[in-house]
Amino acid sequence: MEIVKRPHVENFIEWSKDKPEVVVLTADLTNSSEVGKWRDTYPDRFFPMKMAEQNMMSFAAGLAREGYTPFIHTFAVFIYRRPYDQLAMSIAYPKLPVRFVAFLPGIATPGGVTHQAIEDVAIMRATPNMTVLETGDATEVESVLDVAHSVDGPVYIRMLRGEVPRLFPKAEPMRLDEVRVLSEGDDVTVLTAGITTEEAVRAAAPLAAAGVGMKHLHVSTHKPFGDPVVLDAILGARHGVITLENHTIIGGLGSAVAELMAENAIGKKLVRLGLQDTYAHGASQAYLMKEYGLDAPALVRAVEKLTGRATGITEPDLDAVRIEAVHSLAKAEAL
């Protein structure tokens, strides 16, 4: 499996070349948000806003009203926590075309609670006019720009950085409100997003060998959430549905699926894997995913409980199909 080093950096520079309306704003996290080289390439289109996120939101709103398309680059927590009032009132309310490129989603950082965006999807889903996207591999990092640019209104992007695996072919880019079907089966339906997709991919072959049919859907659009493939997959699951997300189970992917099932009167069991109404301490990504039950072994245990069937799958079995041995040295960066 190909590992791509910092797929956003060069791609964003090339993508912006013929789009003079695209401008970038950061708040003292230029290189950490992978736009240092973009700044050097297009210095007249780059705005360093210092550590003043509220002002950055208002400034971006002004640029958008003047015909520009601002791409705010910073850590996710600095987009939706401290400056939310300006985001909601100055950008989302008037439905301005501001793109929020949000790095370090969920527990993808050892930075601890101050840097872990564990409730961002819930907050952004609840914000009117906001489109919410999440990248799951290098292909989606490279193609999410086109998706965001096509949206009439603000877009929030959960972005991956560092060394990122390529799970999906380059010829199959992200598409708005379309899930990817990664495996077929009618015992359980599993929906994942972001870094949890790789974990479910690891579990697919061992589960199939154990006689468990898993239909695996990768979700890259959290809002809107209307792909009919999702509903069909839920209806076709014999034992039930599992969601696995790098986020609290409240308000994110698990909640979106629960809402869909309730609205369509689907009486099936739903298991939501993610942060269980808790904050996460600082540690490596692999450790945190294991500690909080976001990895492949946690998914296998949930499948066994849901189906009432022991699979005999061990952690060494899952390690044998690990896509990336240490999940990147670059991801050890907290800042």
C-alpha atoms as a PDB file:
ATOM      1  CA  MET A   1       0.000   0.000   0.000  1.00  0.00           C
ATOM      2  CA  GLU A   2       1.397   3.380  -1.000  1.00  0.00           C
ATOM      3  CA  ILE A   3       2.212   5.859   1.764  1.00  0.00           C
ATOM      4  CA  VAL A   4       2.074   9.483   0.652  1.00  0.00           C
ATOM      5  CA  LYS A   5       4.087  12.086   2.545  1.00  0.00           C
ATOM      6  CA  ARG A   6       2.118  15.291   3.142  1.00  0.00           C
ATOM      7  CA  PRO A   7      -0.287  14.914   0.205  1.00  0.00           C
ATOM      8  CA  HIS A   8      -1.898  18.304   0.797  1.00  0.00           C
ATOM      9  CA  VAL A   9       1.224  20.445   0.380  1.00  0.00           C
ATOM     10  CA  GLU A  10       2.089  20.194  -3.322  1.00  0.00           C
ATOM     11  CA  ASN A  11      -1.442  19.364  -4.402  1.00  0.00           C
ATOM     12  CA  PHE A  12      -2.920  22.544  -2.907  1.00  0.00           C
ATOM     13  CA  ILE A  13      -0.272  24.676  -4.629  1.00  0.00           C
ATOM     14  CA  GLU A  14      -1.001  23.162  -8.043  1.00  0.00           C
ATOM     15  CA  TRP A  15      -4.768  23.246  -7.501  1.00  0.00           C
ATOM     16  CA  SER A  16      -4.675  26.956  -6.609  1.00  0.00           C
ATOM     17  CA  LYS A  17      -2.578  27.967  -9.614  1.00  0.00           C
ATOM     18  CA  ASP A  18      -5.491  28.997 -11.856  1.00  0.00           C
ATOM     19  CA  LYS A  19      -7.778  30.158  -9.040  1.00  0.00           C
ATOM     20  CA  PRO A  20      -6.707  33.704  -8.117  1.00  0.00           C
ATOM     21  CA  GLU A  21      -9.786  34.059  -5.927  1.00  0.00           C
ATOM     22  CA  VAL A  22      -8.410  31.429  -3.520  1.00  0.00           C
ATOM     23  CA  VAL A  23      -6.669  32.975  -0.506  1.00  0.00           C
ATOM     24  CA  VAL A  24      -5.280  31.378   2.656  1.00  0.00           C
ATOM     25  CA  LEU A  25      -5.514  32.502   6.275  1.00  0.00           C
ATOM     26  CA  THR A  26      -3.690  30.955   9.212  1.00  0.00           C
ATOM     27  CA  ALA A  27      -3.256  31.740  12.891  1.00  0.00           C
ATOM     28  CA  ASP A  28       0.406  31.080  13.744  1.00  0.00           C
ATOM     29  CA  LEU A  29       0.227  27.483  12.513  1.00  0.00           C
ATOM     30  CA  THR A  30       1.400  27.916   8.940  1.00  0.00           C
ATOM     31  CA  ASN A  31       3.834  25.016   8.622  1.00  0.00           C
ATOM     32  CA  SER A  32       1.896  22.848  11.060  1.00  0.00           C
ATOM     33  CA  SER A  33      -1.094  23.257   8.744  1.00  0.00           C
ATOM     34  CA  GLU A  34       0.996  22.464   5.658  1.00  0.00           C
ATOM     35  CA  VAL A  35       0.755  25.836   3.883  1.00  0.00           C
ATOM     36  CA  GLY A  36       4.260  27.208   4.400  1.00  0.00           C
ATOM     37  CA  LYS A  37       5.214  26.392   0.827  1.00  0.00           C
ATOM     38  CA  TRP A  38       1.850  27.731  -0.416  1.00  0.00           C
ATOM     39  CA  ARG A  39       2.648  31.027   1.334  1.00  0.00           C
ATOM     40  CA  ASP A  40       6.027  31.183  -0.402  1.00  0.00           C
ATOM     41  CA  THR A  41       4.432  30.424  -3.773  1.00  0.00           C
ATOM     42  CA  TYR A  42       1.540  32.898  -3.509  1.00  0.00           C
ATOM     43  CA  PRO A  43       2.678  35.508  -0.949  1.00  0.00           C
ATOM     44  CA  ASP A  44       0.121  38.109  -2.091  1.00  0.00           C
ATOM     45  CA  ARG A  45      -2.729  35.693  -1.377  1.00  0.00           C
ATOM     46  CA  PHE A  46      -1.609  34.663   2.104  1.00  0.00           C
ATOM     47  CA  PHE A  47      -2.817  36.327   5.326  1.00  0.00           C
ATOM     48  CA  PRO A  48      -1.128  35.470   8.660  1.00  0.00           C
ATOM     49  CA  MET A  49      -3.653  36.423  11.337  1.00  0.00           C
ATOM     50  CA  LYS A  50      -1.513  35.678  14.412  1.00  0.00           C
ATOM     51  CA  MET A  51      -3.143  34.031  17.439  1.00  0.00           C
ATOM     52  CA  ALA A  52      -6.492  35.737  16.929  1.00  0.00           C
ATOM     53  CA  GLU A  53      -8.936  33.192  15.582  1.00  0.00           C
ATOM     54  CA  GLN A  54     -12.031  35.335  16.181  1.00  0.00           C
ATOM     55  CA  ASN A  55     -10.556  38.094  14.048  1.00  0.00           C
ATOM     56  CA  MET A  56      -9.503  35.531  11.439  1.00  0.00           C
ATOM     57  CA  MET A  57     -13.128  34.419  11.038  1.00  0.00           C
ATOM     58  CA  SER A  58     -14.385  37.979  10.618  1.00  0.00           C
ATOM     59  CA  PHE A  59     -11.543  38.800   8.210  1.00  0.00           C
ATOM     60  CA  ALA A  60     -12.355  35.708   6.126  1.00  0.00           C
ATOM     61  CA  ALA A  61     -16.010  36.756   6.027  1.00  0.00           C
ATOM     62  CA  GLY A  62     -15.013  40.161   4.675  1.00  0.00           C
ATOM     63  CA  LEU A  63     -12.823  38.594   1.995  1.00  0.00           C
ATOM     64  CA  ALA A  64     -15.657  36.256   0.974  1.00  0.00           C
ATOM     65  CA  ARG A  65     -18.056  39.188   0.636  1.00  0.00           C
ATOM     66  CA  GLU A  66     -15.543  40.816  -1.732  1.00  0.00           C
ATOM     67  CA  GLY A  67     -15.496  37.807  -4.054  1.00  0.00           C
ATOM     68  CA  TYR A  68     -12.594  35.791  -2.649  1.00  0.00           C
ATOM     69  CA  THR A  69     -12.682  32.175  -1.501  1.00  0.00           C
ATOM     70  CA  PRO A  70     -10.827  31.982   1.826  1.00  0.00           C
ATOM     71  CA  PHE A  71      -9.261  28.688   2.899  1.00  0.00           C
ATOM     72  CA  ILE A  72      -8.641  28.866   6.643  1.00  0.00           C
ATOM     73  CA  HIS A  73      -5.867  26.469   7.680  1.00  0.00           C
ATOM     74  CA  THR A  74      -5.397  25.643  11.362  1.00  0.00           C
ATOM     75  CA  PHE A  75      -6.013  22.933  13.937  1.00  0.00           C
ATOM     76  CA  ALA A  76      -9.626  21.836  14.175  1.00  0.00           C
ATOM     77  CA  VAL A  77     -10.073  22.940  17.774  1.00  0.00           C
ATOM     78  CA  PHE A  78      -9.116  26.502  16.860  1.00  0.00           C
ATOM     79  CA  ILE A  79     -11.884  26.659  14.267  1.00  0.00           C
ATOM     80  CA  TYR A  80     -14.969  25.642  16.201  1.00  0.00           C
ATOM     81  CA  ARG A  81     -14.257  26.191  19.898  1.00  0.00           C
ATOM     82  CA  ARG A  82     -12.872  29.655  20.637  1.00  0.00           C
ATOM     83  CA  PRO A  83     -14.202  31.556  17.564  1.00  0.00           C
ATOM     84  CA  TYR A  84     -17.548  29.774  17.107  1.00  0.00           C
ATOM     85  CA  ASP A  85     -19.676  32.917  17.483  1.00  0.00           C
ATOM     86  CA  GLN A  86     -17.842  34.639  14.627  1.00  0.00           C
ATOM     87  CA  LEU A  87     -17.942  31.454  12.552  1.00  0.00           C
ATOM     88  CA  ALA A  88     -21.699  31.075  13.013  1.00  0.00           C
ATOM     89  CA  MET A  89     -22.775  34.707  12.708  1.00  0.00           C
ATOM     90  CA  SER A  90     -20.251  36.115  10.219  1.00  0.00           C
ATOM     91  CA  ILE A  91     -19.794  33.102   7.933  1.00  0.00           C
ATOM     92  CA  ALA A  92     -22.439  30.376   8.313  1.00  0.00           C
ATOM     93  CA  TYR A  93     -25.461  32.642   8.762  1.00  0.00           C
ATOM     94  CA  PRO A  94     -24.843  34.575   5.498  1.00  0.00           C
ATOM     95  CA  LYS A  95     -23.731  31.305   3.836  1.00  0.00           C
ATOM     96  CA  LEU A  96     -20.369  32.598   2.685  1.00  0.00           C
ATOM     97  CA  PRO A  97     -17.929  30.386   0.707  1.00  0.00           C
ATOM     98  CA  VAL A  98     -15.278  29.995   3.412  1.00  0.00           C
ATOM     99  CA  ARG A  99     -13.467  26.639   3.589  1.00  0.00           C
ATOM    100  CA  PHE A 100     -12.212  25.493   6.989  1.00  0.00           C
ATOM    101  CA  VAL A 101      -9.287  23.093   6.611  1.00  0.00           C
ATOM    102  CA  ALA A 102      -9.185  21.486  10.049  1.00  0.00           C
ATOM    103  CA  PHE A 103      -6.098  19.505  11.028  1.00  0.00           C
ATOM    104  CA  LEU A 104      -5.689  17.066  13.960  1.00  0.00           C
ATOM    105  CA  PRO A 105      -9.260  15.737  13.979  1.00  0.00           C
ATOM    106  CA  GLY A 106     -10.288  13.562  16.907  1.00  0.00           C
ATOM    107  CA  ILE A 107      -7.484  11.755  18.713  1.00  0.00           C
ATOM    108  CA  ALA A 108      -4.987  11.965  15.836  1.00  0.00           C
ATOM    109  CA  THR A 109      -2.570  13.895  18.067  1.00  0.00           C
ATOM    110  CA  PRO A 110      -0.739  13.342  21.364  1.00  0.00           C
ATOM    111  CA  GLY A 111      -1.552  16.947  22.264  1.00  0.00           C
ATOM    112  CA  GLY A 112      -4.264  15.961  24.730  1.00  0.00           C
ATOM    113  CA  VAL A 113      -7.623  17.584  25.378  1.00  0.00           C
ATOM    114  CA  THR A 114      -6.576  21.086  24.280  1.00  0.00           C
ATOM    115  CA  HIS A 115      -5.769  19.865  20.764  1.00  0.00           C
ATOM    116  CA  GLN A 116      -8.117  16.904  20.261  1.00  0.00           C
ATOM    117  CA  ALA A 117     -11.198  17.831  18.244  1.00  0.00           C
ATOM    118  CA  ILE A 118     -13.565  15.167  19.541  1.00  0.00           C
ATOM    119  CA  GLU A 119     -16.883  17.009  19.153  1.00  0.00           C
ATOM    120  CA  ASP A 120     -16.305  19.051  16.002  1.00  0.00           C
ATOM    121  CA  VAL A 121     -18.500  16.978  13.691  1.00  0.00           C
ATOM    122  CA  ALA A 122     -21.406  17.273  16.140  1.00  0.00           C
ATOM    123  CA  ILE A 123     -21.051  21.050  16.353  1.00  0.00           C
ATOM    124  CA  MET A 124     -20.593  21.569  12.639  1.00  0.00           C
ATOM    125  CA  ARG A 125     -23.462  19.233  11.738  1.00  0.00           C
ATOM    126  CA  ALA A 126     -25.659  21.357  13.990  1.00  0.00           C
ATOM    127  CA  THR A 127     -24.564  24.590  12.308  1.00  0.00           C
ATOM    128  CA  PRO A 128     -27.033  25.647   9.591  1.00  0.00           C
ATOM    129  CA  ASN A 129     -25.651  26.032   6.039  1.00  0.00           C
ATOM    130  CA  MET A 130     -22.466  24.101   6.913  1.00  0.00           C
ATOM    131  CA  THR A 131     -21.217  21.197   4.785  1.00  0.00           C
ATOM    132  CA  VAL A 132     -19.032  18.730   6.727  1.00  0.00           C
ATOM    133  CA  LEU A 133     -16.404  16.555   5.023  1.00  0.00           C
ATOM    134  CA  GLU A 134     -13.745  14.164   6.327  1.00  0.00           C
ATOM    135  CA  THR A 135     -10.734  12.804   4.473  1.00  0.00           C
ATOM    136  CA  GLY A 136      -9.824   9.151   4.941  1.00  0.00           C
ATOM    137  CA  ASP A 137      -6.725   8.685   2.798  1.00  0.00           C
ATOM    138  CA  ALA A 138      -4.315  10.461   0.436  1.00  0.00           C
ATOM    139  CA  THR A 139      -6.729  10.276  -2.499  1.00  0.00           C
ATOM    140  CA  GLU A 140      -9.384  12.098  -0.512  1.00  0.00           C
ATOM    141  CA  VAL A 141      -6.900  14.669   0.764  1.00  0.00           C
ATOM    142  CA  GLU A 142      -6.047  15.426  -2.863  1.00  0.00           C
ATOM    143  CA  SER A 143      -9.638  15.468  -4.149  1.00  0.00           C
ATOM    144  CA  VAL A 144     -11.482  17.152  -1.259  1.00  0.00           C
ATOM    145  CA  LEU A 145     -10.506  20.572  -2.615  1.00  0.00           C
ATOM    146  CA  ASP A 146     -12.682  20.092  -5.707  1.00  0.00           C
ATOM    147  CA  VAL A 147     -15.579  18.870  -3.573  1.00  0.00           C
ATOM    148  CA  ALA A 148     -15.358  21.847  -1.215  1.00  0.00           C
ATOM    149  CA  HIS A 149     -14.956  24.307  -4.081  1.00  0.00           C
ATOM    150  CA  SER A 150     -18.194  23.051  -5.650  1.00  0.00           C
ATOM    151  CA  VAL A 151     -20.283  23.849  -2.563  1.00  0.00           C
ATOM    152  CA  ASP A 152     -22.297  27.059  -2.376  1.00  0.00           C
ATOM    153  CA  GLY A 153     -21.590  27.986   1.239  1.00  0.00           C
ATOM    154  CA  PRO A 154     -19.135  27.232   4.054  1.00  0.00           C
ATOM    155  CA  VAL A 155     -17.384  23.874   4.221  1.00  0.00           C
ATOM    156  CA  TYR A 156     -15.651  22.224   7.173  1.00  0.00           C
ATOM    157  CA  ILE A 157     -12.964  19.665   6.231  1.00  0.00           C
ATOM    158  CA  ARG A 158     -11.427  17.177   8.651  1.00  0.00           C
ATOM    159  CA  MET A 159      -7.989  17.020   7.074  1.00  0.00           C
ATOM    160  CA  LEU A 160      -5.195  14.453   7.471  1.00  0.00           C
ATOM    161  CA  ARG A 161      -1.552  15.500   7.492  1.00  0.00           C
ATOM    162  CA  GLY A 162       1.856  13.894   7.698  1.00  0.00           C
ATOM    163  CA  GLU A 163       2.307  10.488   6.065  1.00  0.00           C
ATOM    164  CA  VAL A 164      -1.049   9.260   4.811  1.00  0.00           C
ATOM    165  CA  PRO A 165      -1.886   5.852   3.288  1.00  0.00           C
ATOM    166  CA  ARG A 166      -3.549   5.689  -0.104  1.00  0.00           C
ATOM    167  CA  LEU A 167      -6.497   3.370   0.446  1.00  0.00           C
ATOM    168  CA  PHE A 168      -8.473   4.384  -2.650  1.00  0.00           C
ATOM    169  CA  PRO A 169      -7.299   4.637  -6.282  1.00  0.00           C
ATOM    170  CA  LYS A 170      -6.391   8.105  -7.510  1.00  0.00           C
ATOM    171  CA  ALA A 171      -8.930   7.594 -10.295  1.00  0.00           C
ATOM    172  CA  GLU A 172     -11.713   7.354  -7.689  1.00  0.00           C
ATOM    173  CA  PRO A 173     -11.833  10.799  -6.033  1.00  0.00           C
ATOM    174  CA  MET A 174     -14.077  11.868  -3.176  1.00  0.00           C
ATOM    175  CA  ARG A 175     -17.588  12.839  -4.258  1.00  0.00           C
ATOM    176  CA  LEU A 176     -20.062  14.902  -2.265  1.00  0.00           C
ATOM    177  CA  ASP A 177     -22.530  12.796  -0.264  1.00  0.00           C
ATOM    178  CA  GLU A 178     -21.407   9.509  -1.814  1.00  0.00           C
ATOM    179  CA  VAL A 179     -20.138   6.660   0.357  1.00  0.00           C
ATOM    180  CA  ARG A 180     -17.583   4.099  -0.792  1.00  0.00           C
ATOM    181  CA  VAL A 181     -18.512   0.413  -0.574  1.00  0.00           C
ATOM    182  CA  LEU A 182     -15.294  -1.317   0.483  1.00  0.00           C
ATOM    183  CA  SER A 183     -16.549  -4.838   1.205  1.00  0.00           C
ATOM    184  CA  GLU A 184     -19.751  -6.812   0.766  1.00  0.00           C
ATOM    185  CA  GLY A 185     -21.663  -8.972   3.222  1.00  0.00           C
ATOM    186  CA  ASP A 186     -25.094  -9.304   4.798  1.00  0.00           C
ATOM    187  CA  ASP A 187     -24.328 -10.209   8.422  1.00  0.00           C
ATOM    188  CA  VAL A 188     -23.384  -6.712   9.603  1.00  0.00           C
ATOM    189  CA  THR A 189     -23.051  -3.274   8.057  1.00  0.00           C
ATOM    190  CA  VAL A 190     -20.107  -1.200   9.278  1.00  0.00           C
ATOM    191  CA  LEU A 191     -19.778   2.535   8.619  1.00  0.00           C
ATOM    192  CA  THR A 192     -16.470   4.292   9.208  1.00  0.00           C
ATOM    193  CA  ALA A 193     -14.885   7.674   8.513  1.00  0.00           C
ATOM    194  CA  GLY A 194     -11.401   9.153   8.585  1.00  0.00           C
ATOM    195  CA  ILE A 195      -8.635   7.121  10.205  1.00  0.00           C
ATOM    196  CA  THR A 196     -11.051   4.437  11.429  1.00  0.00           C
ATOM    197  CA  THR A 197     -11.632   3.244   7.856  1.00  0.00           C
ATOM    198  CA  GLU A 198      -8.169   1.705   7.738  1.00  0.00           C
ATOM    199  CA  GLU A 199      -9.002  -0.234  10.909  1.00  0.00           C
ATOM    200  CA  ALA A 200     -12.137  -1.722   9.361  1.00  0.00           C
ATOM    201  CA  VAL A 201     -10.224  -2.573   6.191  1.00  0.00           C
ATOM    202  CA  ARG A 202      -7.791  -4.530   8.375  1.00  0.00           C
ATOM    203  CA  ALA A 203     -10.675  -6.487   9.904  1.00  0.00           C
ATOM    204  CA  ALA A 204     -12.536  -7.279   6.665  1.00  0.00           C
ATOM    205  CA  ALA A 205     -10.480 -10.235   5.395  1.00  0.00           C
ATOM    206  CA  PRO A 206     -10.145 -12.009   8.787  1.00  0.00           C
ATOM    207  CA  LEU A 207     -13.893 -11.619   9.372  1.00  0.00           C
ATOM    208  CA  ALA A 208     -14.661 -13.012   5.927  1.00  0.00           C
ATOM    209  CA  ALA A 209     -12.341 -15.963   6.592  1.00  0.00           C
ATOM    210  CA  ALA A 210     -14.246 -16.577   9.836  1.00  0.00           C
ATOM    211  CA  GLY A 211     -17.523 -16.689   7.922  1.00  0.00           C
ATOM    212  CA  VAL A 212     -18.823 -13.241   8.846  1.00  0.00           C
ATOM    213  CA  GLY A 213     -20.112 -11.133   5.973  1.00  0.00           C
ATOM    214  CA  MET A 214     -19.379  -7.440   6.591  1.00  0.00           C
ATOM    215  CA  LYS A 215     -20.628  -4.695   4.340  1.00  0.00           C
ATOM    216  CA  HIS A 216     -18.217  -1.827   4.897  1.00  0.00           C
ATOM    217  CA  LEU A 217     -19.123   1.728   3.934  1.00  0.00           C
ATOM    218  CA  HIS A 218     -16.614   4.559   4.085  1.00  0.00           C
ATOM    219  CA  VAL A 219     -18.228   7.935   4.783  1.00  0.00           C
ATOM    220  CA  SER A 220     -16.533  11.155   3.672  1.00  0.00           C
ATOM    221  CA  THR A 221     -19.568  13.479   3.840  1.00  0.00           C
ATOM    222  CA  HIS A 222     -21.100  13.874   7.303  1.00  0.00           C
ATOM    223  CA  LYS A 223     -23.488  16.589   6.165  1.00  0.00           C
ATOM    224  CA  PRO A 224     -25.456  16.263   3.955  1.00  0.00           C
ATOM    225  CA  PHE A 225     -26.017  12.596   4.775  1.00  0.00           C
ATOM    226  CA  GLY A 226     -28.391  11.381   2.117  1.00  0.00           C
ATOM    227  CA  ASP A 227     -26.720   8.707  -0.005  1.00  0.00           C
ATOM    228  CA  PRO A 228     -29.386   5.980  -0.556  1.00  0.00           C
ATOM    229  CA  VAL A 229     -26.626   3.356  -0.450  1.00  0.00           C
ATOM    230  CA  VAL A 230     -26.464   3.859   3.327  1.00  0.00           C
ATOM    231  CA  LEU A 231     -30.124   3.101   3.878  1.00  0.00           C
ATOM    232  CA  ASP A 232     -29.986   0.034   1.624  1.00  0.00           C
ATOM    233  CA  ALA A 233     -26.936  -1.281   3.487  1.00  0.00           C
ATOM    234  CA  ILE A 234     -28.642  -0.821   6.853  1.00  0.00           C
ATOM    235  CA  LEU A 235     -31.786  -2.599   5.647  1.00  0.00           C
ATOM    236  CA  GLY A 236     -29.686  -5.487   4.335  1.00  0.00           C
ATOM    237  CA  ALA A 237     -27.785  -6.133   7.581  1.00  0.00           C
ATOM    238  CA  ARG A 238     -29.025  -9.368   9.158  1.00  0.00           C
ATOM    239  CA  HIS A 239     -27.687  -8.763  12.671  1.00  0.00           C
ATOM    240  CA  GLY A 240     -27.347  -5.001  12.828  1.00  0.00           C
ATOM    241  CA  VAL A 241     -25.160  -1.974  12.231  1.00  0.00           C
ATOM    242  CA  ILE A 242     -21.857  -0.722  13.686  1.00  0.00           C
ATOM    243  CA  THR A 243     -20.421   2.767  13.377  1.00  0.00           C
ATOM    244  CA  LEU A 244     -16.734   3.419  14.096  1.00  0.00           C
ATOM    245  CA  GLU A 245     -15.576   7.021  14.327  1.00  0.00           C
ATOM    246  CA  ASN A 246     -12.681   9.155  15.520  1.00  0.00           C
ATOM    247  CA  HIS A 247     -15.067  11.345  17.523  1.00  0.00           C
ATOM    248  CA  THR A 248     -17.426  11.173  20.447  1.00  0.00           C
ATOM    249  CA  ILE A 249     -20.339   8.854  19.745  1.00  0.00           C
ATOM    250  CA  ILE A 250     -22.650  11.789  20.502  1.00  0.00           C
ATOM    251  CA  GLY A 251     -23.562  13.906  17.496  1.00  0.00           C
ATOM    252  CA  GLY A 252     -21.215  12.413  14.911  1.00  0.00           C
ATOM    253  CA  LEU A 253     -21.451   9.490  12.498  1.00  0.00           C
ATOM    254  CA  GLY A 254     -23.163   7.224  15.014  1.00  0.00           C
ATOM    255  CA  SER A 255     -25.830   9.828  15.655  1.00  0.00           C
ATOM    256  CA  ALA A 256     -26.352  10.465  11.944  1.00  0.00           C
ATOM    257  CA  VAL A 257     -26.942   6.751  11.379  1.00  0.00           C
ATOM    258  CA  ALA A 258     -29.249   6.538  14.411  1.00  0.00           C
ATOM    259  CA  GLU A 259     -31.286   9.463  13.065  1.00  0.00           C
ATOM    260  CA  LEU A 260     -31.564   7.805   9.667  1.00  0.00           C
ATOM    261  CA  MET A 261     -32.696   4.512  11.210  1.00  0.00           C
ATOM    262  CA  ALA A 262     -35.258   6.227  13.447  1.00  0.00           C
ATOM    263  CA  GLU A 263     -36.686   8.334  10.632  1.00  0.00           C
ATOM    264  CA  ASN A 264     -37.138   5.212   8.507  1.00  0.00           C
ATOM    265  CA  ALA A 265     -38.486   3.045  11.365  1.00  0.00           C
ATOM    266  CA  ILE A 266     -35.684   0.498  11.044  1.00  0.00           C
ATOM    267  CA  GLY A 267     -35.740  -1.780  14.068  1.00  0.00           C
ATOM    268  CA  LYS A 268     -32.184  -3.092  14.043  1.00  0.00           C
ATOM    269  CA  LYS A 269     -29.442  -3.074  16.629  1.00  0.00           C
ATOM    270  CA  LEU A 270     -26.969  -0.184  16.341  1.00  0.00           C
ATOM    271  CA  VAL A 271     -23.553  -0.275  18.044  1.00  0.00           C
ATOM    272  CA  ARG A 272     -21.664   3.030  18.162  1.00  0.00           C
ATOM    273  CA  LEU A 273     -17.898   2.743  18.576  1.00  0.00           C
ATOM    274  CA  GLY A 274     -15.989   5.925  19.340  1.00  0.00           C
ATOM    275  CA  LEU A 275     -15.206   8.035  22.372  1.00  0.00           C
ATOM    276  CA  GLN A 276     -17.805   7.134  24.985  1.00  0.00           C
ATOM    277  CA  ASP A 277     -18.646  10.607  26.357  1.00  0.00           C
ATOM    278  CA  THR A 278     -15.087  11.158  27.548  1.00  0.00           C
ATOM    279  CA  TYR A 279     -12.008  13.229  26.831  1.00  0.00           C
ATOM    280  CA  ALA A 280      -8.829  11.477  25.696  1.00  0.00           C
ATOM    281  CA  HIS A 281      -5.426  12.012  27.266  1.00  0.00           C
ATOM    282  CA  GLY A 282      -2.271  12.591  25.257  1.00  0.00           C
ATOM    283  CA  ALA A 283      -0.455   9.596  23.760  1.00  0.00           C
ATOM    284  CA  SER A 284       0.378   8.070  20.387  1.00  0.00           C
ATOM    285  CA  GLN A 285      -2.420   7.566  17.902  1.00  0.00           C
ATOM    286  CA  ALA A 286      -2.092   3.773  17.981  1.00  0.00           C
ATOM    287  CA  TYR A 287      -2.234   3.737  21.779  1.00  0.00           C
ATOM    288  CA  LEU A 288      -5.258   6.021  21.936  1.00  0.00           C
ATOM    289  CA  MET A 289      -7.179   4.054  19.315  1.00  0.00           C
ATOM    290  CA  LYS A 290      -6.621   0.878  21.305  1.00  0.00           C
ATOM    291  CA  GLU A 291      -7.294   2.520  24.682  1.00  0.00           C
ATOM    292  CA  TYR A 292     -10.615   4.005  23.581  1.00  0.00           C
ATOM    293  CA  GLY A 293     -11.801   1.159  21.366  1.00  0.00           C
ATOM    294  CA  LEU A 294     -11.417   2.715  17.923  1.00  0.00           C
ATOM    295  CA  ASP A 295      -9.214   0.038  16.343  1.00  0.00           C
ATOM    296  CA  ALA A 296      -9.653  -3.216  14.420  1.00  0.00           C
ATOM    297  CA  PRO A 297      -9.731  -5.499  17.522  1.00  0.00           C
ATOM    298  CA  ALA A 298     -12.511  -3.355  19.026  1.00  0.00           C
ATOM    299  CA  LEU A 299     -14.488  -3.696  15.809  1.00  0.00           C
ATOM    300  CA  VAL A 300     -14.049  -7.486  15.769  1.00  0.00           C
ATOM    301  CA  ARG A 301     -15.259  -7.706  19.379  1.00  0.00           C
ATOM    302  CA  ALA A 302     -18.316  -5.628  18.483  1.00  0.00           C
ATOM    303  CA  VAL A 303     -19.053  -7.849  15.485  1.00  0.00           C
ATOM    304  CA  GLU A 304     -18.797 -10.959  17.660  1.00  0.00           C
ATOM    305  CA  LYS A 305     -21.175  -9.489  20.236  1.00  0.00           C
ATOM    306  CA  LEU A 306     -23.636  -8.329  17.593  1.00  0.00           C
ATOM    307  CA  THR A 307     -23.713 -11.644  15.721  1.00  0.00           C
ATOM    308  CA  GLY A 308     -23.367 -13.867  18.789  1.00  0.00           C
ATOM    309  CA  ARG A 309     -20.587 -15.705  16.991  1.00  0.00           C
ATOM    310  CA  ALA A 310     -16.980 -16.189  18.124  1.00  0.00           C
ATOM    311  CA  THR A 311     -14.588 -15.623  15.242  1.00  0.00           C
ATOM    312  CA  GLY A 312     -11.333 -16.765  16.807  1.00  0.00           C
ATOM    313  CA  ILE A 313      -9.622 -13.678  15.386  1.00  0.00           C
ATOM    314  CA  THR A 314      -6.665 -12.526  17.491  1.00  0.00           C
ATOM    315  CA  GLU A 315      -4.740  -9.268  17.571  1.00  0.00           C
ATOM    316  CA  PRO A 316      -1.736 -10.938  15.844  1.00  0.00           C
ATOM    317  CA  ASP A 317      -4.133 -11.937  13.044  1.00  0.00           C
ATOM    318  CA  LEU A 318      -5.094  -8.299  12.622  1.00  0.00           C
ATOM    319  CA  ASP A 319      -1.504  -7.083  12.892  1.00  0.00           C
ATOM    320  CA  ALA A 320      -0.667  -9.360   9.971  1.00  0.00           C
ATOM    321  CA  VAL A 321      -2.939  -7.306   7.712  1.00  0.00           C
ATOM    322  CA  ARG A 322      -1.939  -3.912   9.061  1.00  0.00           C
ATOM    323  CA  ILE A 323      -1.635  -1.489   6.170  1.00  0.00           C
ATOM    324  CA  GLU A 324       0.949   0.684   7.831  1.00  0.00           C
ATOM    325  CA  ALA A 325       3.304  -0.761  10.446  1.00  0.00           C
ATOM    326  CA  VAL A 326       3.690   2.244  12.735  1.00  0.00           C
ATOM    327  CA  HIS A 327       1.186   4.645  11.207  1.00  0.00           C
ATOM    328  CA  SER A 328       3.748   7.303  10.343  1.00  0.00           C
ATOM    329  CA  LEU A 329       6.501   9.070  12.190  1.00  0.00           C
ATOM    330  CA  ALA A 330       5.088  12.406  11.064  1.00  0.00           C
ATOM    331  CA  LYS A 331       1.885  11.833  13.010  1.00  0.00           C
ATOM    332  CA  ALA A 332       3.842  12.000  16.261  1.00  0.00           C
ATOM    333  CA  GLU A 333       3.868  15.776  15.852  1.00  0.00           C
ATOM    334  CA  ALA A 334       1.589  17.519  18.298  1.00  0.00           C
ATOM    335  CA  LEU A 335       2.133  21.035  16.963  1.00  0.00           C
END
